[in-house]
Amino acid sequence: MPEQPAKGESKITSISKNKFLTLIIGVTVILVLIGAGWYYFSQSSTERDAEKKLEAETGGKVNIEGDKVTIETDQGTVTTSKTQAPENFPSDVSIYKGAEITGSTDAVDGVTLMLSTSDSVSQVSKFYQGDVKAKGWKISANSSLEGSALLTAEKDKRSLLITISPDKSTGKTSIAIVASK
């Protein structure tokens, strides 16, 4: 018989807490790289100046094309954008209709896509609950807390994390999708 979660804990059946923690840490590292990239990009007068600064900071090779920044190191390649979905974004994960892309990352172990919509957290959460199931993903956790929603799922040894939360600064709803490769 499967172990029951303690009172107040979410039931996460298919993914281990360590795997989930590793995914969250990976997303945090990626977001820091995005922040550093956009900080240096905005501080430079030319793409080449920004590339040189990022290369010195990361120790990797940097290529900037428009709003797309690619950093190659001996540990892998990370590509970020403020307006484009990652080239390797999984075809079995929907991009919320009418949402604006506010950032993305394509890294060695997965992709991240950040979106913004004027629809409510509840509307977006309901959409993804149905859409994820319809596309063959097995939902392993689905919870809400303080007006935000979290959905995790698995399919074909891949994991998916979708967080949906209100953005008080814009009055919109933020969606963050993290999919492992």
Protein backbone atom coordinates (compact mmCIF):
# COMPACT_ATOMS: atom_id res chain seq x y z
CA MET A 1 0.00 0.00 0.00
CA PRO A 2 1.43 3.42 -0.94
CA GLU A 3 2.56 5.71 1.85
CA GLN A 4 0.00 8.42 2.66
CA PRO A 5 1.24 12.00 2.95
CA ALA A 6 1.22 13.65 6.35
CA LYS A 7 -1.54 16.14 7.06
CA GLY A 8 -0.88 19.38 5.16
CA GLU A 9 1.52 17.77 2.61
CA SER A 10 0.78 17.37 -1.10
CA LYS A 11 0.68 13.90 -2.58
CA ILE A 12 3.47 13.56 -5.12
CA THR A 13 3.27 10.04 -6.49
CA SER A 14 5.50 9.78 -9.51
CA ILE A 15 8.39 12.12 -8.85
CA SER A 16 10.68 12.00 -5.88
CA LYS A 17 11.16 15.01 -3.67
CA ASN A 18 14.87 15.02 -4.61
CA LYS A 19 14.06 15.14 -8.32
CA PHE A 20 11.58 17.95 -7.70
CA LEU A 21 14.13 19.87 -5.59
CA THR A 22 16.78 19.40 -8.30
CA LEU A 23 14.32 20.76 -10.88
CA ILE A 24 13.58 23.83 -8.72
CA ILE A 25 17.31 24.46 -8.14
CA GLY A 26 17.95 24.11 -11.88
CA VAL A 27 15.21 26.62 -12.68
CA THR A 28 16.66 29.04 -10.11
CA VAL A 29 20.15 28.78 -11.65
CA ILE A 30 18.69 29.33 -15.12
CA LEU A 31 16.74 32.38 -13.95
CA VAL A 32 19.92 33.83 -12.39
CA LEU A 33 21.73 33.34 -15.72
CA ILE A 34 18.85 35.05 -17.51
CA GLY A 35 19.00 37.96 -15.07
CA ALA A 36 22.76 38.30 -15.45
CA GLY A 37 22.48 38.10 -19.21
CA TRP A 38 19.81 40.76 -19.46
CA TYR A 39 21.59 43.01 -16.95
CA TYR A 40 24.81 42.99 -18.97
CA PHE A 41 22.91 43.20 -22.25
CA SER A 42 21.07 46.33 -21.10
CA GLN A 43 24.29 47.92 -19.81
CA SER A 44 26.16 47.53 -23.11
CA SER A 45 25.98 49.79 -26.11
CA THR A 46 26.63 46.96 -28.57
CA GLU A 47 25.98 43.24 -28.70
CA ARG A 48 29.72 42.54 -28.85
CA ASP A 49 30.37 44.51 -25.65
CA ALA A 50 27.63 42.50 -23.95
CA GLU A 51 29.06 39.25 -25.31
CA LYS A 52 32.53 40.11 -23.95
CA LYS A 53 31.14 40.95 -20.51
CA LEU A 54 29.10 37.74 -20.36
CA GLU A 55 32.03 35.65 -21.57
CA ALA A 56 34.18 37.09 -18.78
CA GLU A 57 31.43 36.45 -16.22
CA THR A 58 30.52 32.90 -17.29
CA GLY A 59 33.79 31.65 -18.76
CA GLY A 60 31.87 30.50 -21.82
CA LYS A 61 31.30 31.55 -25.41
CA VAL A 62 28.43 34.01 -25.78
CA ASN A 63 26.37 34.88 -28.83
CA ILE A 64 23.72 37.61 -28.81
CA GLU A 65 21.26 37.90 -31.68
CA GLY A 66 18.51 40.41 -31.06
CA ASP A 67 16.86 39.41 -27.78
CA LYS A 68 18.31 35.89 -27.91
CA VAL A 69 21.39 35.17 -25.75
CA THR A 70 23.26 31.85 -26.06
CA ILE A 71 25.95 30.88 -23.56
CA GLU A 72 28.12 27.82 -24.27
CA THR A 73 30.30 26.40 -21.49
CA ASP A 74 31.93 23.04 -20.88
CA GLN A 75 28.81 22.15 -18.87
CA GLY A 76 26.41 22.77 -21.77
CA THR A 77 24.55 25.45 -23.65
CA VAL A 78 21.88 27.81 -22.35
CA THR A 79 19.79 30.00 -24.65
CA THR A 80 17.50 32.72 -23.32
CA SER A 81 14.99 35.05 -24.92
CA LYS A 82 12.48 37.62 -23.73
CA THR A 83 10.04 37.15 -26.62
CA GLN A 84 10.50 33.69 -28.15
CA ALA A 85 9.64 30.17 -27.00
CA PRO A 86 12.61 27.80 -26.84
CA GLU A 87 13.31 25.99 -30.11
CA ASN A 88 13.12 22.69 -28.20
CA PHE A 89 9.84 23.48 -26.42
CA PRO A 90 7.91 20.19 -26.25
CA SER A 91 5.11 19.81 -28.78
CA ASP A 92 2.97 18.02 -26.19
CA VAL A 93 2.82 21.08 -23.90
CA SER A 94 0.52 23.93 -24.89
CA ILE A 95 1.43 27.58 -24.85
CA TYR A 96 -1.59 29.30 -23.30
CA LYS A 97 -3.65 30.92 -26.05
CA GLY A 98 -3.33 34.70 -26.14
CA ALA A 99 -0.54 34.78 -23.54
CA GLU A 100 2.50 36.99 -24.06
CA ILE A 101 5.93 35.37 -23.83
CA THR A 102 7.92 37.20 -21.16
CA GLY A 103 11.00 34.97 -21.09
CA SER A 104 12.37 31.57 -21.98
CA THR A 105 15.38 29.36 -21.43
CA ASP A 106 16.61 26.31 -23.30
CA ALA A 107 19.24 24.44 -21.28
CA VAL A 108 20.89 21.02 -21.33
CA ASP A 109 18.33 19.36 -19.08
CA GLY A 110 15.14 21.23 -19.96
CA VAL A 111 13.26 24.28 -21.09
CA THR A 112 11.51 27.08 -19.25
CA LEU A 113 8.82 29.32 -20.70
CA MET A 114 7.37 32.31 -18.87
CA LEU A 115 4.08 33.79 -19.99
CA SER A 116 1.67 36.54 -18.99
CA THR A 117 -2.08 36.66 -19.55
CA SER A 118 -5.03 38.75 -18.41
CA ASP A 119 -7.00 35.54 -17.65
CA SER A 120 -7.39 34.52 -14.01
CA VAL A 121 -5.24 31.98 -12.17
CA SER A 122 -8.33 29.75 -11.97
CA GLN A 123 -8.97 29.89 -15.74
CA VAL A 124 -5.35 29.11 -16.59
CA SER A 125 -5.15 26.32 -14.00
CA LYS A 126 -8.35 24.69 -15.26
CA PHE A 127 -7.04 24.87 -18.85
CA TYR A 128 -3.71 23.20 -18.03
CA GLN A 129 -5.32 20.49 -15.89
CA GLY A 130 -7.41 19.39 -18.87
CA ASP A 131 -4.80 20.03 -21.54
CA VAL A 132 -2.00 18.14 -19.78
CA LYS A 133 -4.22 15.07 -19.32
CA ALA A 134 -5.46 15.25 -22.92
CA LYS A 135 -1.86 15.23 -24.18
CA GLY A 136 -1.00 12.05 -22.26
CA TRP A 137 0.74 13.49 -19.21
CA LYS A 138 0.09 11.86 -15.83
CA ILE A 139 -0.58 14.52 -13.20
CA SER A 140 1.43 13.79 -10.06
CA ALA A 141 0.53 16.90 -8.02
CA ASN A 142 -2.07 19.60 -8.36
CA SER A 143 -2.38 22.16 -5.62
CA SER A 144 -3.21 25.75 -4.92
CA LEU A 145 -2.03 28.06 -2.18
CA GLU A 146 -2.71 31.72 -1.53
CA GLY A 147 -4.14 32.40 -4.99
CA SER A 148 -1.43 30.51 -6.91
CA ALA A 149 -1.57 27.07 -8.51
CA LEU A 150 1.04 24.35 -9.05
CA LEU A 151 0.77 21.38 -11.39
CA THR A 152 3.38 18.66 -11.85
CA ALA A 153 3.15 15.82 -14.33
CA GLU A 154 5.22 13.08 -15.95
CA LYS A 155 5.34 11.44 -19.35
CA ASP A 156 7.93 9.21 -21.04
CA LYS A 157 10.54 9.77 -18.27
CA ARG A 158 10.09 13.55 -18.60
CA SER A 159 8.71 15.86 -15.94
CA LEU A 160 6.61 18.98 -16.22
CA LEU A 161 6.11 21.77 -13.70
CA ILE A 162 3.58 24.55 -14.27
CA THR A 163 3.18 27.38 -11.78
CA ILE A 164 0.44 29.94 -12.16
CA SER A 165 0.35 33.03 -9.98
CA PRO A 166 -1.02 36.55 -9.87
CA ASP A 167 1.45 39.30 -10.76
CA LYS A 168 0.49 42.18 -8.49
CA SER A 169 2.75 44.63 -10.34
CA THR A 170 0.91 44.18 -13.65
CA GLY A 171 -2.48 42.88 -12.52
CA LYS A 172 -2.00 39.91 -14.86
CA THR A 173 -1.44 36.21 -14.33
CA SER A 174 2.07 34.79 -14.68
CA ILE A 175 2.63 31.26 -16.01
CA ALA A 176 5.95 29.46 -15.67
CA ILE A 177 6.36 26.16 -17.50
CA VAL A 178 9.42 24.01 -16.81
CA ALA A 179 9.80 20.82 -18.87
CA SER A 180 12.66 18.37 -18.62
CA LYS A 181 14.13 16.89 -21.79
